[in-house]
Amino acid sequence: MRPTAHAALGALALALVLPTSAAADESVIGGKPAPLSQSPWAVALTSHERFGAQRSGQFCGGVLVGHSTVVTAAHCLSKEVLGIPWKQVRDLKVVIGRDKLSGAGGQELKPAKIWVNPRYDSYTNDGDMAVLTLTKPVPNRPIPIAGRQDSAYRAGNAATVYGWGDTTGGGSYASRLRAAHVNVLPDAVCAKAYPGSADGAYRARTMLCAGEPAGGRDACQGDSGGPLVVRGRLVGLVSWGTGCGQPGSPGVYTRASALLPEVSARGAG
């Protein structure tokens, strides 16, 4: 999670554990293991070339929203995270059906097409989304995206965030998929927390935020692009925030409904 300031933190954390020079971005703070049998739509973005062989080279998360369509955060494919333009990453893959990244199983597929939102603003973090089309359909069950008027977006809803990233905020990266329970927060709370700074600016139209008032449960480095789920529907993608699980600094997510036109235009299947 988290571009701007967090991209630098992710770079430092991974530099300490992986034998590469590339950066990574935002596992889940205050979470617990999440069997993929219950969340088959959670996928990992990997590159051994950029992030080493440990943990399958995972650097970000993603979400299967169609049998051949994955969504993730735009900043995951930025030069700041990868160290080079994404088109130059020769072994960029989507790992599907593998909960333990240090193990085998599942599938590793190269994307046939990648669309990165050209309107993504790295200063405010607005429009932080990308769509990857796989080389072939997979049998794994995709997750539906909650529509714009869906009650799943209401403040106070219980939500779950998933990822393989930092579990402590100090560079302790997870090998197995983890999940943490958080609450969808009112837009006013998020706007007050992030009125505009070096970390970003909250935009209710395209963003959603979730967490706990006292902190303690949140996404973190390595979770970027992963899912925020309410009642079996995708409501957000891990995007940015200040710190991991800190009081008064909830996690900010790309509002999933903003993805619908782009996913539809690319014929999600």
C-alpha atoms as a PDB file:
ATOM      1  CA  MET A   1       0.000   0.000   0.000  1.00  0.00           C
ATOM      2  CA  ARG A   2       0.853   3.631  -0.339  1.00  0.00           C
ATOM      3  CA  PRO A   3       2.698   5.476  -3.058  1.00  0.00           C
ATOM      4  CA  THR A   4       4.662   8.720  -2.472  1.00  0.00           C
ATOM      5  CA  ALA A   5       6.081   8.485   1.058  1.00  0.00           C
ATOM      6  CA  HIS A   6       5.214   4.807   1.318  1.00  0.00           C
ATOM      7  CA  ALA A   7       6.965   3.916  -1.911  1.00  0.00           C
ATOM      8  CA  ALA A   8      10.175   5.022  -0.238  1.00  0.00           C
ATOM      9  CA  LEU A   9       9.352   3.000   2.877  1.00  0.00           C
ATOM     10  CA  GLY A  10       8.575  -0.043   0.772  1.00  0.00           C
ATOM     11  CA  ALA A  11      11.839   0.348  -1.092  1.00  0.00           C
ATOM     12  CA  LEU A  12      13.790   0.443   2.160  1.00  0.00           C
ATOM     13  CA  ALA A  13      11.981  -2.546   3.639  1.00  0.00           C
ATOM     14  CA  LEU A  14      12.474  -4.749   0.607  1.00  0.00           C
ATOM     15  CA  ALA A  15      16.064  -3.670   0.174  1.00  0.00           C
ATOM     16  CA  LEU A  16      16.693  -5.226   3.587  1.00  0.00           C
ATOM     17  CA  VAL A  17      15.168  -8.595   2.713  1.00  0.00           C
ATOM     18  CA  LEU A  18      15.490  -9.029  -1.047  1.00  0.00           C
ATOM     19  CA  PRO A  19      18.631  -9.145  -3.203  1.00  0.00           C
ATOM     20  CA  THR A  20      17.450  -6.533  -5.711  1.00  0.00           C
ATOM     21  CA  SER A  21      17.620  -2.788  -6.041  1.00  0.00           C
ATOM     22  CA  ALA A  22      13.964  -2.200  -6.948  1.00  0.00           C
ATOM     23  CA  ALA A  23      11.343  -0.645  -4.702  1.00  0.00           C
ATOM     24  CA  ALA A  24       8.084  -2.174  -3.607  1.00  0.00           C
ATOM     25  CA  ASP A  25       4.976  -0.749  -2.151  1.00  0.00           C
ATOM     26  CA  GLU A  26       2.701  -1.804   0.400  1.00  0.00           C
ATOM     27  CA  SER A  27       0.782  -7.247   4.912  1.00  0.00           C
ATOM     28  CA  VAL A  28      -1.869  -6.764   6.587  1.00  0.00           C
ATOM     29  CA  ILE A  29      -1.413  -5.270  10.063  1.00  0.00           C
ATOM     30  CA  GLY A  30      -3.418  -7.033  12.794  1.00  0.00           C
ATOM     31  CA  GLY A  31      -4.519  -9.776  10.420  1.00  0.00           C
ATOM     32  CA  LYS A  32      -4.583 -13.558  10.335  1.00  0.00           C
ATOM     33  CA  PRO A  33      -4.052 -16.260   7.671  1.00  0.00           C
ATOM     34  CA  ALA A  34      -6.727 -16.311   4.968  1.00  0.00           C
ATOM     35  CA  PRO A  35      -7.120 -19.614   3.068  1.00  0.00           C
ATOM     36  CA  LEU A  36      -7.330 -19.087  -0.681  1.00  0.00           C
ATOM     37  CA  SER A  37     -10.188 -21.575  -0.760  1.00  0.00           C
ATOM     38  CA  GLN A  38     -12.243 -18.753   0.768  1.00  0.00           C
ATOM     39  CA  SER A  39     -10.703 -15.969  -1.325  1.00  0.00           C
ATOM     40  CA  PRO A  40      -9.750 -17.447  -4.729  1.00  0.00           C
ATOM     41  CA  TRP A  41      -9.886 -14.004  -6.326  1.00  0.00           C
ATOM     42  CA  ALA A  42      -6.858 -12.719  -4.370  1.00  0.00           C
ATOM     43  CA  VAL A  43      -3.772 -12.744  -6.621  1.00  0.00           C
ATOM     44  CA  ALA A  44      -0.153 -11.606  -6.382  1.00  0.00           C
ATOM     45  CA  LEU A  45       1.944  -9.569  -8.825  1.00  0.00           C
ATOM     46  CA  THR A  46       5.485 -10.914  -9.031  1.00  0.00           C
ATOM     47  CA  SER A  47       8.858 -10.422 -10.686  1.00  0.00           C
ATOM     48  CA  HIS A  48      11.908 -12.499  -9.748  1.00  0.00           C
ATOM     49  CA  GLU A  49      14.017 -10.158 -11.866  1.00  0.00           C
ATOM     50  CA  ARG A  50      13.094  -7.098  -9.825  1.00  0.00           C
ATOM     51  CA  PHE A  51      12.398  -8.584  -6.365  1.00  0.00           C
ATOM     52  CA  GLY A  52      14.279 -11.877  -6.124  1.00  0.00           C
ATOM     53  CA  ALA A  53      13.073 -15.470  -5.763  1.00  0.00           C
ATOM     54  CA  GLN A  54      11.898 -15.204  -2.157  1.00  0.00           C
ATOM     55  CA  ARG A  55       8.121 -15.165  -1.786  1.00  0.00           C
ATOM     56  CA  SER A  56       7.805 -15.759  -5.551  1.00  0.00           C
ATOM     57  CA  GLY A  57       9.066 -12.214  -6.178  1.00  0.00           C
ATOM     58  CA  GLN A  58       5.810 -10.704  -4.892  1.00  0.00           C
ATOM     59  CA  PHE A  59       5.633  -6.914  -4.770  1.00  0.00           C
ATOM     60  CA  CYS A  60       1.918  -6.056  -4.985  1.00  0.00           C
ATOM     61  CA  GLY A  61      -1.517  -7.619  -4.830  1.00  0.00           C
ATOM     62  CA  GLY A  62      -4.347  -7.785  -7.313  1.00  0.00           C
ATOM     63  CA  VAL A  63      -7.910  -9.007  -7.668  1.00  0.00           C
ATOM     64  CA  LEU A  64      -9.473 -11.415 -10.146  1.00  0.00           C
ATOM     65  CA  VAL A  65     -12.703  -9.714 -11.318  1.00  0.00           C
ATOM     66  CA  GLY A  66     -13.222 -11.918 -14.397  1.00  0.00           C
ATOM     67  CA  HIS A  67     -11.836 -15.275 -15.469  1.00  0.00           C
ATOM     68  CA  SER A  68      -9.188 -13.452 -17.523  1.00  0.00           C
ATOM     69  CA  THR A  69      -9.218  -9.987 -15.880  1.00  0.00           C
ATOM     70  CA  VAL A  70      -7.200  -8.724 -12.912  1.00  0.00           C
ATOM     71  CA  VAL A  71      -7.318  -5.252 -11.372  1.00  0.00           C
ATOM     72  CA  THR A  72      -4.583  -3.640  -9.298  1.00  0.00           C
ATOM     73  CA  ALA A  73      -3.235  -0.208  -8.335  1.00  0.00           C
ATOM     74  CA  ALA A  74      -1.654   1.965 -11.024  1.00  0.00           C
ATOM     75  CA  HIS A  75       1.252   2.848  -8.752  1.00  0.00           C
ATOM     76  CA  CYS A  76       2.208  -0.858  -8.568  1.00  0.00           C
ATOM     77  CA  LEU A  77       3.299  -0.567 -12.194  1.00  0.00           C
ATOM     78  CA  SER A  78       5.137   2.713 -11.760  1.00  0.00           C
ATOM     79  CA  LYS A  79       8.859   3.229 -12.208  1.00  0.00           C
ATOM     80  CA  GLU A  80       9.028   4.305  -8.549  1.00  0.00           C
ATOM     81  CA  VAL A  81       7.940   0.826  -7.479  1.00  0.00           C
ATOM     82  CA  LEU A  82       9.539  -1.345 -10.166  1.00  0.00           C
ATOM     83  CA  GLY A  83      12.726   0.648 -10.634  1.00  0.00           C
ATOM     84  CA  ILE A  84      12.227   0.607 -14.424  1.00  0.00           C
ATOM     85  CA  PRO A  85       9.211   1.138 -16.726  1.00  0.00           C
ATOM     86  CA  TRP A  86       6.807  -1.796 -16.438  1.00  0.00           C
ATOM     87  CA  LYS A  87       7.163  -2.579 -20.145  1.00  0.00           C
ATOM     88  CA  GLN A  88      10.813  -3.425 -19.473  1.00  0.00           C
ATOM     89  CA  VAL A  89      10.029  -5.990 -16.745  1.00  0.00           C
ATOM     90  CA  ARG A  90      10.500  -9.228 -18.670  1.00  0.00           C
ATOM     91  CA  ASP A  91       9.052 -11.605 -16.087  1.00  0.00           C
ATOM     92  CA  LEU A  92       6.076  -9.682 -14.727  1.00  0.00           C
ATOM     93  CA  LYS A  93       3.490 -12.330 -13.785  1.00  0.00           C
ATOM     94  CA  VAL A  94       0.189 -12.771 -12.003  1.00  0.00           C
ATOM     95  CA  VAL A  95       0.244 -15.640  -9.486  1.00  0.00           C
ATOM     96  CA  ILE A  96      -3.188 -17.189  -9.024  1.00  0.00           C
ATOM     97  CA  GLY A  97      -4.195 -19.920  -6.574  1.00  0.00           C
ATOM     98  CA  ARG A  98      -1.057 -19.861  -4.402  1.00  0.00           C
ATOM     99  CA  ASP A  99      -1.562 -18.743  -0.823  1.00  0.00           C
ATOM    100  CA  LYS A 100       1.989 -19.601   0.350  1.00  0.00           C
ATOM    101  CA  LEU A 101       4.329 -17.575  -1.837  1.00  0.00           C
ATOM    102  CA  SER A 102       7.387 -19.592  -0.837  1.00  0.00           C
ATOM    103  CA  GLY A 103       5.699 -22.758  -2.123  1.00  0.00           C
ATOM    104  CA  ALA A 104       4.418 -24.049  -5.418  1.00  0.00           C
ATOM    105  CA  GLY A 105       0.934 -24.611  -6.767  1.00  0.00           C
ATOM    106  CA  GLY A 106      -1.452 -22.402  -8.617  1.00  0.00           C
ATOM    107  CA  GLN A 107      -0.605 -20.697 -11.896  1.00  0.00           C
ATOM    108  CA  GLU A 108       1.896 -18.021 -12.931  1.00  0.00           C
ATOM    109  CA  LEU A 109       0.579 -16.152 -15.973  1.00  0.00           C
ATOM    110  CA  LYS A 110       2.067 -13.297 -17.957  1.00  0.00           C
ATOM    111  CA  PRO A 111      -0.452 -10.571 -18.758  1.00  0.00           C
ATOM    112  CA  ALA A 112      -1.384 -10.424 -22.443  1.00  0.00           C
ATOM    113  CA  LYS A 113      -2.409  -6.751 -22.075  1.00  0.00           C
ATOM    114  CA  ILE A 114      -1.886  -4.110 -19.417  1.00  0.00           C
ATOM    115  CA  TRP A 115      -3.824  -0.862 -19.089  1.00  0.00           C
ATOM    116  CA  VAL A 116      -2.525   1.665 -16.573  1.00  0.00           C
ATOM    117  CA  ASN A 117      -4.822   4.613 -15.955  1.00  0.00           C
ATOM    118  CA  PRO A 118      -3.256   7.528 -17.870  1.00  0.00           C
ATOM    119  CA  ARG A 119      -5.122   9.939 -15.568  1.00  0.00           C
ATOM    120  CA  TYR A 120      -3.526   8.548 -12.398  1.00  0.00           C
ATOM    121  CA  ASP A 121      -2.246  11.483 -10.332  1.00  0.00           C
ATOM    122  CA  SER A 122       0.752  10.436  -8.244  1.00  0.00           C
ATOM    123  CA  TYR A 123       0.488  13.612  -6.149  1.00  0.00           C
ATOM    124  CA  THR A 124      -3.121  13.200  -4.940  1.00  0.00           C
ATOM    125  CA  ASN A 125      -3.215   9.424  -5.709  1.00  0.00           C
ATOM    126  CA  ASP A 126      -6.459   9.951  -7.613  1.00  0.00           C
ATOM    127  CA  GLY A 127      -7.242   7.310 -10.264  1.00  0.00           C
ATOM    128  CA  ASP A 128      -4.914   4.672  -8.796  1.00  0.00           C
ATOM    129  CA  MET A 129      -6.010   1.718 -10.935  1.00  0.00           C
ATOM    130  CA  ALA A 130      -4.830  -0.642 -13.652  1.00  0.00           C
ATOM    131  CA  VAL A 131      -6.371  -3.572 -15.540  1.00  0.00           C
ATOM    132  CA  LEU A 132      -4.428  -6.676 -16.621  1.00  0.00           C
ATOM    133  CA  THR A 133      -5.791  -9.130 -19.183  1.00  0.00           C
ATOM    134  CA  LEU A 134      -4.456 -12.657 -18.736  1.00  0.00           C
ATOM    135  CA  THR A 135      -3.135 -14.844 -21.558  1.00  0.00           C
ATOM    136  CA  LYS A 136      -5.899 -17.372 -20.891  1.00  0.00           C
ATOM    137  CA  PRO A 137      -8.999 -17.716 -18.696  1.00  0.00           C
ATOM    138  CA  VAL A 138      -8.574 -19.352 -15.304  1.00  0.00           C
ATOM    139  CA  PRO A 139     -11.124 -21.492 -13.442  1.00  0.00           C
ATOM    140  CA  ASN A 140     -10.750 -19.548 -10.182  1.00  0.00           C
ATOM    141  CA  ARG A 141     -13.896 -17.760  -9.029  1.00  0.00           C
ATOM    142  CA  PRO A 142     -13.731 -13.998  -9.624  1.00  0.00           C
ATOM    143  CA  ILE A 143     -15.246 -11.458  -7.239  1.00  0.00           C
ATOM    144  CA  PRO A 144     -18.000  -9.058  -8.351  1.00  0.00           C
ATOM    145  CA  ILE A 145     -17.329  -5.314  -8.189  1.00  0.00           C
ATOM    146  CA  ALA A 146     -19.865  -3.376  -6.116  1.00  0.00           C
ATOM    147  CA  GLY A 147     -21.760  -0.871  -8.255  1.00  0.00           C
ATOM    148  CA  ARG A 148     -21.765   2.855  -7.596  1.00  0.00           C
ATOM    149  CA  GLN A 149     -24.987   2.843  -5.561  1.00  0.00           C
ATOM    150  CA  ASP A 150     -24.278  -0.420  -3.737  1.00  0.00           C
ATOM    151  CA  SER A 151     -24.909  -0.310   0.013  1.00  0.00           C
ATOM    152  CA  ALA A 152     -21.568  -2.086   0.505  1.00  0.00           C
ATOM    153  CA  TYR A 153     -19.886   1.351   0.404  1.00  0.00           C
ATOM    154  CA  ARG A 154     -21.799   2.691   3.405  1.00  0.00           C
ATOM    155  CA  ALA A 155     -19.802   3.969   6.360  1.00  0.00           C
ATOM    156  CA  GLY A 156     -19.850   1.568   9.292  1.00  0.00           C
ATOM    157  CA  ASN A 157     -19.841  -1.576   7.169  1.00  0.00           C
ATOM    158  CA  ALA A 158     -17.509  -4.353   8.275  1.00  0.00           C
ATOM    159  CA  ALA A 159     -14.868  -4.968   5.600  1.00  0.00           C
ATOM    160  CA  THR A 160     -11.865  -7.240   5.091  1.00  0.00           C
ATOM    161  CA  VAL A 161      -8.541  -6.339   3.484  1.00  0.00           C
ATOM    162  CA  TYR A 162      -6.233  -9.027   2.061  1.00  0.00           C
ATOM    163  CA  GLY A 163      -2.521  -9.159   1.246  1.00  0.00           C
ATOM    164  CA  TRP A 164       0.935 -10.707   1.489  1.00  0.00           C
ATOM    165  CA  GLY A 165       2.711  -7.545   2.610  1.00  0.00           C
ATOM    166  CA  ASP A 166       4.314  -6.249   5.804  1.00  0.00           C
ATOM    167  CA  THR A 167       2.627  -7.616   8.944  1.00  0.00           C
ATOM    168  CA  THR A 168       4.271  -5.247  11.438  1.00  0.00           C
ATOM    169  CA  GLY A 169       5.128  -2.045   9.601  1.00  0.00           C
ATOM    170  CA  GLY A 170       8.788  -2.903  10.134  1.00  0.00           C
ATOM    171  CA  GLY A 171       9.570  -5.064   7.107  1.00  0.00           C
ATOM    172  CA  SER A 172       8.231  -8.466   8.275  1.00  0.00           C
ATOM    173  CA  TYR A 173       6.653  -9.691   5.060  1.00  0.00           C
ATOM    174  CA  ALA A 174       4.084 -12.499   5.033  1.00  0.00           C
ATOM    175  CA  SER A 175       4.576 -15.731   3.134  1.00  0.00           C
ATOM    176  CA  ARG A 176       0.914 -16.730   3.334  1.00  0.00           C
ATOM    177  CA  LEU A 177      -2.080 -14.612   2.382  1.00  0.00           C
ATOM    178  CA  ARG A 178      -3.472 -12.712   5.362  1.00  0.00           C
ATOM    179  CA  ALA A 179      -6.654 -10.777   6.048  1.00  0.00           C
ATOM    180  CA  ALA A 180      -7.681  -8.131   8.578  1.00  0.00           C
ATOM    181  CA  HIS A 181     -11.118  -6.880   9.571  1.00  0.00           C
ATOM    182  CA  VAL A 182     -11.603  -3.115   9.309  1.00  0.00           C
ATOM    183  CA  ASN A 183     -14.587  -0.763   9.068  1.00  0.00           C
ATOM    184  CA  VAL A 184     -15.581   1.508   6.190  1.00  0.00           C
ATOM    185  CA  LEU A 185     -15.227   5.062   7.507  1.00  0.00           C
ATOM    186  CA  PRO A 186     -17.221   8.212   6.691  1.00  0.00           C
ATOM    187  CA  ASP A 187     -15.803  10.394   3.927  1.00  0.00           C
ATOM    188  CA  ALA A 188     -15.622  13.300   6.389  1.00  0.00           C
ATOM    189  CA  VAL A 189     -13.243  11.344   8.619  1.00  0.00           C
ATOM    190  CA  CYS A 190     -10.998  10.542   5.669  1.00  0.00           C
ATOM    191  CA  ALA A 191     -11.057  14.088   4.305  1.00  0.00           C
ATOM    192  CA  LYS A 192     -10.021  15.403   7.728  1.00  0.00           C
ATOM    193  CA  ALA A 193      -7.196  12.875   7.971  1.00  0.00           C
ATOM    194  CA  TYR A 194      -5.951  13.633   4.441  1.00  0.00           C
ATOM    195  CA  PRO A 195      -6.829  17.203   3.397  1.00  0.00           C
ATOM    196  CA  GLY A 196      -3.773  17.326   1.154  1.00  0.00           C
ATOM    197  CA  SER A 197      -0.109  16.683   1.884  1.00  0.00           C
ATOM    198  CA  ALA A 198       2.954  14.930   0.516  1.00  0.00           C
ATOM    199  CA  ASP A 199       1.133  11.616   1.083  1.00  0.00           C
ATOM    200  CA  GLY A 200      -1.918  12.538  -0.988  1.00  0.00           C
ATOM    201  CA  ALA A 201      -5.383  14.109  -0.834  1.00  0.00           C
ATOM    202  CA  TYR A 202      -8.651  12.285  -0.160  1.00  0.00           C
ATOM    203  CA  ARG A 203     -11.176  12.403  -3.019  1.00  0.00           C
ATOM    204  CA  ALA A 204     -14.517  10.820  -2.063  1.00  0.00           C
ATOM    205  CA  ARG A 205     -15.617  10.375  -5.681  1.00  0.00           C
ATOM    206  CA  THR A 206     -12.818   7.932  -6.486  1.00  0.00           C
ATOM    207  CA  MET A 207     -11.566   6.867  -3.052  1.00  0.00           C
ATOM    208  CA  LEU A 208     -12.781   5.029   0.022  1.00  0.00           C
ATOM    209  CA  CYS A 209     -11.124   4.722   3.392  1.00  0.00           C
ATOM    210  CA  ALA A 210     -11.272   2.070   6.055  1.00  0.00           C
ATOM    211  CA  GLY A 211      -9.593   1.234   9.327  1.00  0.00           C
ATOM    212  CA  GLU A 212     -10.092   1.501  13.065  1.00  0.00           C
ATOM    213  CA  PRO A 213     -10.210   4.775  15.064  1.00  0.00           C
ATOM    214  CA  ALA A 214      -7.591   3.406  17.473  1.00  0.00           C
ATOM    215  CA  GLY A 215      -5.480   1.933  14.669  1.00  0.00           C
ATOM    216  CA  GLY A 216      -3.998  -1.549  14.809  1.00  0.00           C
ATOM    217  CA  ARG A 217      -5.604  -3.103  11.717  1.00  0.00           C
ATOM    218  CA  ASP A 218      -4.641  -1.913   8.258  1.00  0.00           C
ATOM    219  CA  ALA A 219      -2.938  -2.736   4.978  1.00  0.00           C
ATOM    220  CA  CYS A 220       0.783  -2.028   4.679  1.00  0.00           C
ATOM    221  CA  GLN A 221       3.771  -2.238   2.308  1.00  0.00           C
ATOM    222  CA  GLY A 222       3.346  -5.053  -0.204  1.00  0.00           C
ATOM    223  CA  ASP A 223      -0.494  -5.024  -0.053  1.00  0.00           C
ATOM    224  CA  SER A 224      -1.008  -2.389  -2.756  1.00  0.00           C
ATOM    225  CA  GLY A 225      -3.568  -3.310  -5.380  1.00  0.00           C
ATOM    226  CA  GLY A 226      -5.110  -5.951  -3.130  1.00  0.00           C
ATOM    227  CA  PRO A 227      -8.810  -6.235  -2.283  1.00  0.00           C
ATOM    228  CA  LEU A 228     -11.055  -4.564   0.271  1.00  0.00           C
ATOM    229  CA  VAL A 229     -14.202  -6.700   0.457  1.00  0.00           C
ATOM    230  CA  VAL A 230     -17.659  -6.128   1.944  1.00  0.00           C
ATOM    231  CA  ARG A 231     -20.262  -8.916   1.929  1.00  0.00           C
ATOM    232  CA  GLY A 232     -18.577 -10.768  -0.916  1.00  0.00           C
ATOM    233  CA  ARG A 233     -18.180  -7.743  -3.169  1.00  0.00           C
ATOM    234  CA  LEU A 234     -15.078  -5.750  -4.068  1.00  0.00           C
ATOM    235  CA  VAL A 235     -15.336  -2.186  -2.784  1.00  0.00           C
ATOM    236  CA  GLY A 236     -11.703  -1.040  -2.902  1.00  0.00           C
ATOM    237  CA  LEU A 237      -8.102  -1.582  -3.939  1.00  0.00           C
ATOM    238  CA  VAL A 238      -5.315  -0.897  -1.448  1.00  0.00           C
ATOM    239  CA  SER A 239      -3.835   2.435  -2.517  1.00  0.00           C
ATOM    240  CA  TRP A 240      -2.221   4.789   0.030  1.00  0.00           C
ATOM    241  CA  GLY A 241      -2.137   6.341   3.502  1.00  0.00           C
ATOM    242  CA  THR A 242       0.218   7.493   6.249  1.00  0.00           C
ATOM    243  CA  GLY A 243       1.926   4.753   8.219  1.00  0.00           C
ATOM    244  CA  CYS A 244       0.415   1.310   8.819  1.00  0.00           C
ATOM    245  CA  GLY A 245      -2.305   0.879  11.439  1.00  0.00           C
ATOM    246  CA  GLN A 246      -1.665   4.249  13.071  1.00  0.00           C
ATOM    247  CA  PRO A 247      -4.470   6.028  14.971  1.00  0.00           C
ATOM    248  CA  GLY A 248      -6.011   8.821  12.934  1.00  0.00           C
ATOM    249  CA  SER A 249      -4.434   7.612   9.682  1.00  0.00           C
ATOM    250  CA  PRO A 250      -6.812   5.138   8.027  1.00  0.00           C
ATOM    251  CA  GLY A 251      -5.974   3.259   4.872  1.00  0.00           C
ATOM    252  CA  VAL A 252      -7.174   4.806   1.621  1.00  0.00           C
ATOM    253  CA  TYR A 253      -8.465   2.627  -1.209  1.00  0.00           C
ATOM    254  CA  THR A 254      -9.353   3.185  -4.847  1.00  0.00           C
ATOM    255  CA  ARG A 255     -13.159   3.070  -4.925  1.00  0.00           C
ATOM    256  CA  ALA A 256     -13.938  -0.113  -6.851  1.00  0.00           C
ATOM    257  CA  SER A 257     -16.938   1.344  -8.702  1.00  0.00           C
ATOM    258  CA  ALA A 258     -14.511   3.655 -10.524  1.00  0.00           C
ATOM    259  CA  LEU A 259     -13.063   0.513 -12.133  1.00  0.00           C
ATOM    260  CA  LEU A 260     -16.321  -0.598 -13.735  1.00  0.00           C
ATOM    261  CA  PRO A 261     -16.101   1.457 -16.978  1.00  0.00           C
ATOM    262  CA  GLU A 262     -12.513   0.367 -17.589  1.00  0.00           C
ATOM    263  CA  VAL A 263     -13.152  -3.294 -16.814  1.00  0.00           C
ATOM    264  CA  SER A 264     -16.233  -3.241 -19.038  1.00  0.00           C
ATOM    265  CA  ALA A 265     -14.324  -1.556 -21.870  1.00  0.00           C
ATOM    266  CA  ARG A 266     -11.766  -4.326 -21.782  1.00  0.00           C
ATOM    267  CA  GLY A 267     -14.375  -7.066 -21.922  1.00  0.00           C
ATOM    268  CA  ALA A 268     -13.835  -8.669 -18.535  1.00  0.00           C
ATOM    269  CA  GLY A 269     -14.299 -12.394 -18.902  1.00  0.00           C
END
